[in-house]
Amino acid sequence: MFELVEPIATVTFSEVPNEAFLALGMRNYWDGYFAGRAAPLGLAPAEVVHAVFYNFADGEVARHIPWVWGKITPQEAIAARERSSATALRQMIGELADSPGLVRVGDLATRAALSAPTEGRVLYAGLRALAVPQEPVARLWHAATLLREHRGDGHNAALVAHGIGGIEAHALFAVSLGMRAEEFGRIHHLPKARLAAVVDGLRDRGLVDAAGGITDVGRAIRERIETLTDELAAPAYDLLSADELDELTAGLEPFAAAVAAVDA
């Protein structure tokens, strides 16, 4: 489900939404990112948004929150994000936007997305409080976003339970791919000394070896975190019968594939 939901939800980070936020006065991509994604939390201070956006380095959130709220309101950001994300998704899926199965897939995804537990899921709970769009493409995007953020909140909990910090999570993932932390796109902009300290910390815990590669212990922890993340995400789909879950899986495939083809 992650592989099917993720492409649909993350159209919100593509060029059409970015342009929409720039048109509203945002200075750059990250202003729009934080305004759109944090808007369901309301006028929360940077410290709170940073706690929810687990894998950002210290200070990154504060460069955008609360500055963005001097330009637009959270309600305006929510509307802009929904409108532009639906436009982006519609463009990417092409003729599928008018396919008869879209409404059914959106309805199944929405039922699942609105049934998941909210306990400990701050960002998901904020999204749950929003009105569900009625337009089919926007409805599908909204459902996918709910499911994505529900899983993401659970992933944060799994990381915390295993003592892995946000930047550590990126660094450990990078070394698991055979990369150096400073080569990994999500954290490569951080000071080299800062990244070296993070890797040294992972090495002291036996997760990274002397050469900078992942150890068997590190790999085992990553596997446990991913397994727990999946387990915590699963209750979102409990409301659906086995047949409905099969129908949702099959129904999402062409939409996810269409988006992935554009991004390829």
Protein backbone atom coordinates (compact mmCIF):
# COMPACT_ATOMS: atom_id res chain seq x y z
CA MET A 1 0.00 0.00 0.00
CA PHE A 2 2.88 2.37 0.71
CA GLU A 3 4.16 1.97 -2.83
CA LEU A 4 0.69 2.73 -4.22
CA VAL A 5 -0.26 5.60 -1.91
CA GLU A 6 3.07 7.43 -1.82
CA PRO A 7 3.21 8.54 -5.51
CA ILE A 8 -0.34 9.87 -5.38
CA ALA A 9 0.13 11.79 -2.12
CA THR A 10 3.49 13.27 -3.00
CA VAL A 11 2.31 15.09 -6.11
CA THR A 12 1.83 17.85 -3.54
CA PHE A 13 5.61 18.35 -3.59
CA SER A 14 5.77 18.81 -7.36
CA GLU A 15 6.05 21.92 -9.50
CA VAL A 16 2.37 22.87 -9.82
CA PRO A 17 1.84 23.25 -6.04
CA ASN A 18 5.21 24.96 -5.76
CA GLU A 19 4.17 27.55 -8.34
CA ALA A 20 0.84 28.02 -6.57
CA PHE A 21 2.57 28.85 -3.29
CA LEU A 22 5.09 31.13 -4.95
CA ALA A 23 2.15 33.03 -6.45
CA LEU A 24 0.84 33.56 -2.90
CA GLY A 25 4.05 35.23 -1.78
CA MET A 26 6.24 32.36 -0.69
CA ARG A 27 9.96 33.02 -1.20
CA ASN A 28 10.99 29.50 -2.24
CA TYR A 29 9.96 25.85 -2.41
CA TRP A 30 10.45 25.23 1.31
CA ASP A 31 8.18 28.09 2.35
CA GLY A 32 5.39 26.43 0.39
CA TYR A 33 6.32 22.98 1.69
CA PHE A 34 6.05 24.02 5.32
CA ALA A 35 3.01 26.23 4.80
CA GLY A 36 1.08 23.49 3.03
CA ARG A 37 2.11 20.51 5.12
CA ALA A 38 2.00 22.23 8.52
CA ALA A 39 -1.25 24.12 7.90
CA PRO A 40 -3.48 21.43 9.52
CA LEU A 41 -1.62 22.15 12.78
CA GLY A 42 -2.83 25.74 12.73
CA LEU A 43 -0.59 28.53 14.01
CA ALA A 44 1.69 26.15 15.87
CA PRO A 45 5.13 27.58 16.71
CA ALA A 46 8.26 26.32 14.98
CA GLU A 47 9.18 24.18 17.97
CA VAL A 48 5.95 22.20 17.67
CA VAL A 49 6.17 21.83 13.90
CA HIS A 50 9.78 20.69 14.26
CA ALA A 51 8.70 18.01 16.74
CA VAL A 52 6.10 16.72 14.27
CA PHE A 53 8.36 17.01 11.21
CA TYR A 54 10.77 14.60 12.81
CA ASN A 55 13.60 14.35 10.30
CA PHE A 56 14.44 18.02 9.74
CA ALA A 57 17.62 19.43 11.20
CA ASP A 58 17.46 21.96 14.03
CA GLY A 59 16.62 25.42 12.72
CA GLU A 60 15.22 24.35 9.36
CA VAL A 61 11.58 24.74 10.36
CA ALA A 62 12.22 28.09 12.04
CA ARG A 63 13.41 29.57 8.76
CA HIS A 64 9.85 29.24 7.45
CA ILE A 65 7.51 29.01 10.44
CA PRO A 66 6.02 31.43 11.49
CA TRP A 67 7.23 33.68 8.61
CA VAL A 68 4.82 32.08 6.15
CA TRP A 69 1.85 32.96 8.36
CA GLY A 70 2.61 36.62 7.81
CA LYS A 71 1.80 36.07 4.13
CA ILE A 72 -1.07 33.59 4.17
CA THR A 73 -3.30 31.92 6.75
CA PRO A 74 -3.29 28.17 7.43
CA GLN A 75 -6.77 28.01 5.89
CA GLU A 76 -5.50 29.65 2.69
CA ALA A 77 -2.56 27.26 2.62
CA ILE A 78 -4.84 24.26 3.00
CA ALA A 79 -7.04 25.44 0.12
CA ALA A 80 -4.05 26.21 -2.12
CA ARG A 81 -2.45 22.86 -1.39
CA GLU A 82 -5.61 20.89 -2.13
CA ARG A 83 -6.41 22.80 -5.30
CA SER A 84 -2.90 22.68 -6.74
CA SER A 85 -2.28 19.06 -5.74
CA ALA A 86 -5.48 17.97 -7.45
CA THR A 87 -4.41 19.90 -10.56
CA ALA A 88 -1.00 18.24 -10.51
CA LEU A 89 -2.49 14.77 -10.05
CA ARG A 90 -5.01 15.37 -12.83
CA GLN A 91 -2.23 16.36 -15.21
CA MET A 92 -0.10 13.34 -14.31
CA ILE A 93 -2.82 10.70 -14.64
CA GLY A 94 -4.22 12.13 -17.87
CA GLU A 95 -7.25 10.25 -19.18
CA LEU A 96 -7.46 8.22 -15.98
CA ALA A 97 -8.90 11.34 -14.32
CA ASP A 98 -12.13 10.61 -16.18
CA SER A 99 -12.08 6.84 -15.73
CA PRO A 100 -15.20 5.28 -14.19
CA GLY A 101 -13.13 3.48 -11.54
CA LEU A 102 -11.72 6.68 -10.03
CA VAL A 103 -14.74 7.39 -7.86
CA ARG A 104 -14.83 3.87 -6.47
CA VAL A 105 -11.09 3.86 -5.71
CA GLY A 106 -11.37 7.25 -4.05
CA ASP A 107 -14.29 6.08 -1.93
CA LEU A 108 -12.45 2.96 -0.75
CA ALA A 109 -9.30 4.92 0.00
CA THR A 110 -11.30 7.55 1.87
CA ARG A 111 -13.08 4.94 3.99
CA ALA A 112 -9.72 3.51 4.99
CA ALA A 113 -8.17 6.93 5.52
CA LEU A 114 -10.94 8.11 7.84
CA SER A 115 -10.98 4.93 9.92
CA ALA A 116 -7.41 4.83 11.20
CA PRO A 117 -6.63 5.48 14.87
CA THR A 118 -5.56 9.03 15.69
CA GLU A 119 -3.84 8.32 19.01
CA GLY A 120 -0.27 9.60 18.85
CA ARG A 121 -0.73 10.69 15.21
CA VAL A 122 -0.58 14.47 15.42
CA LEU A 123 -0.23 15.35 11.75
CA TYR A 124 -2.73 12.70 10.70
CA ALA A 125 -5.21 13.95 13.30
CA GLY A 126 -4.84 17.48 11.96
CA LEU A 127 -5.63 16.28 8.45
CA ARG A 128 -8.57 14.24 9.72
CA ALA A 129 -10.12 17.46 11.01
CA LEU A 130 -10.28 18.89 7.48
CA ALA A 131 -13.28 18.58 5.18
CA VAL A 132 -12.97 15.76 2.64
CA PRO A 133 -13.06 17.10 -0.95
CA GLN A 134 -15.97 15.94 -3.07
CA GLU A 135 -14.29 16.32 -6.47
CA PRO A 136 -13.01 12.80 -7.31
CA VAL A 137 -9.37 13.60 -8.13
CA ALA A 138 -8.99 15.86 -5.11
CA ARG A 139 -10.71 13.24 -2.96
CA LEU A 140 -8.24 10.55 -4.07
CA TRP A 141 -5.28 12.82 -3.36
CA HIS A 142 -6.69 13.74 0.07
CA ALA A 143 -7.23 10.09 1.01
CA ALA A 144 -3.73 9.17 -0.11
CA THR A 145 -2.31 12.06 1.91
CA LEU A 146 -4.18 10.95 5.03
CA LEU A 147 -2.88 7.40 4.65
CA ARG A 148 0.65 8.65 4.00
CA GLU A 149 0.74 10.92 7.04
CA HIS A 150 -0.83 8.24 9.23
CA ARG A 151 1.99 5.92 8.22
CA GLY A 152 4.54 8.70 8.66
CA ASP A 153 3.42 9.43 12.21
CA GLY A 154 3.80 5.73 12.96
CA HIS A 155 7.25 5.70 11.36
CA ASN A 156 8.31 8.52 13.68
CA ALA A 157 7.09 6.49 16.65
CA ALA A 158 9.06 3.46 15.45
CA LEU A 159 12.21 5.56 15.08
CA VAL A 160 11.81 7.05 18.56
CA ALA A 161 11.19 3.60 20.04
CA HIS A 162 14.50 2.41 18.58
CA GLY A 163 16.42 5.51 19.64
CA ILE A 164 17.04 6.77 16.11
CA GLY A 165 16.96 10.54 15.65
CA GLY A 166 15.64 12.25 12.57
CA ILE A 167 18.98 13.03 10.95
CA GLU A 168 20.28 9.65 12.11
CA ALA A 169 17.44 8.01 10.18
CA HIS A 170 18.63 9.64 6.95
CA ALA A 171 22.26 8.84 7.65
CA LEU A 172 21.52 5.20 8.45
CA PHE A 173 19.44 4.88 5.30
CA ALA A 174 22.24 6.43 3.26
CA VAL A 175 24.89 4.02 4.53
CA SER A 176 22.51 1.10 3.99
CA LEU A 177 22.56 2.10 0.31
CA GLY A 178 26.35 2.18 0.27
CA MET A 179 26.44 5.99 0.28
CA ARG A 180 28.20 8.43 2.56
CA ALA A 181 25.83 10.56 4.61
CA GLU A 182 27.07 13.76 2.97
CA GLU A 183 26.05 12.35 -0.43
CA PHE A 184 22.43 11.76 0.56
CA GLY A 185 20.13 14.35 -0.96
CA ARG A 186 17.97 14.98 2.08
CA ILE A 187 20.87 15.94 4.38
CA HIS A 188 23.79 16.73 2.05
CA HIS A 189 23.37 20.46 2.72
CA LEU A 190 24.21 20.11 6.42
CA PRO A 191 27.71 20.99 7.64
CA LYS A 192 30.15 18.13 7.14
CA ALA A 193 31.22 18.29 10.79
CA ARG A 194 27.59 17.89 11.86
CA LEU A 195 27.08 14.85 9.61
CA ALA A 196 30.39 13.35 10.74
CA ALA A 197 29.23 13.63 14.35
CA VAL A 198 25.95 11.88 13.49
CA VAL A 199 27.79 9.02 11.77
CA ASP A 200 30.25 8.79 14.67
CA GLY A 201 27.30 8.43 17.01
CA LEU A 202 25.90 5.60 14.91
CA ARG A 203 29.35 4.00 14.85
CA ASP A 204 29.63 4.20 18.65
CA ARG A 205 26.35 2.27 18.88
CA GLY A 206 27.59 -0.41 16.51
CA LEU A 207 25.24 0.52 13.67
CA VAL A 208 27.98 1.72 11.32
CA ASP A 209 31.40 0.13 10.88
CA ALA A 210 34.83 1.76 10.77
CA ALA A 211 34.67 2.12 6.99
CA GLY A 212 31.31 3.91 7.13
CA GLY A 213 29.17 0.97 6.02
CA ILE A 214 26.12 -0.39 7.78
CA THR A 215 26.68 -3.27 10.18
CA ASP A 216 24.50 -6.32 10.69
CA VAL A 217 23.18 -4.67 13.85
CA GLY A 218 22.36 -1.49 11.94
CA ARG A 219 20.64 -3.44 9.20
CA ALA A 220 18.61 -5.41 11.75
CA ILE A 221 17.43 -2.22 13.45
CA ARG A 222 16.39 -0.73 10.11
CA GLU A 223 14.42 -3.88 9.32
CA ARG A 224 12.71 -3.81 12.72
CA ILE A 225 11.78 -0.15 12.25
CA GLU A 226 10.31 -0.79 8.80
CA THR A 227 8.40 -3.83 10.04
CA LEU A 228 6.98 -1.89 12.98
CA THR A 229 6.07 1.00 10.69
CA ASP A 230 4.09 -1.38 8.48
CA GLU A 231 2.39 -2.93 11.50
CA LEU A 232 1.40 0.48 12.84
CA ALA A 233 0.05 1.50 9.42
CA ALA A 234 -2.04 -1.63 8.92
CA PRO A 235 -5.05 -0.67 11.12
CA ALA A 236 -6.02 1.99 8.57
CA TYR A 237 -7.17 -0.83 6.30
CA ASP A 238 -8.94 -3.00 8.87
CA LEU A 239 -12.31 -1.48 7.99
CA LEU A 240 -12.13 -2.89 4.47
CA SER A 241 -12.99 -6.48 3.73
CA ALA A 242 -10.42 -8.68 2.04
CA ASP A 243 -12.24 -8.25 -1.28
CA GLU A 244 -12.40 -4.48 -0.85
CA LEU A 245 -8.71 -4.33 0.00
CA ASP A 246 -7.91 -6.33 -3.14
CA GLU A 247 -10.15 -3.98 -5.12
CA LEU A 248 -8.41 -0.92 -3.65
CA THR A 249 -4.97 -2.34 -4.39
CA ALA A 250 -5.86 -3.14 -7.99
CA GLY A 251 -7.63 0.18 -8.41
CA LEU A 252 -4.72 2.28 -7.15
CA GLU A 253 -2.13 0.58 -9.36
CA PRO A 254 -2.82 2.44 -12.64
CA PHE A 255 -2.90 5.83 -10.89
CA ALA A 256 0.34 5.21 -9.01
CA ALA A 257 1.97 3.88 -12.18
CA ALA A 258 0.89 6.93 -14.19
CA VAL A 259 2.41 9.31 -11.62
CA ALA A 260 5.58 7.23 -11.38
CA ALA A 261 5.92 7.30 -15.16
CA VAL A 262 5.87 11.11 -15.14
CA ASP A 263 8.51 11.22 -12.41
CA ALA A 264 10.75 8.65 -14.09
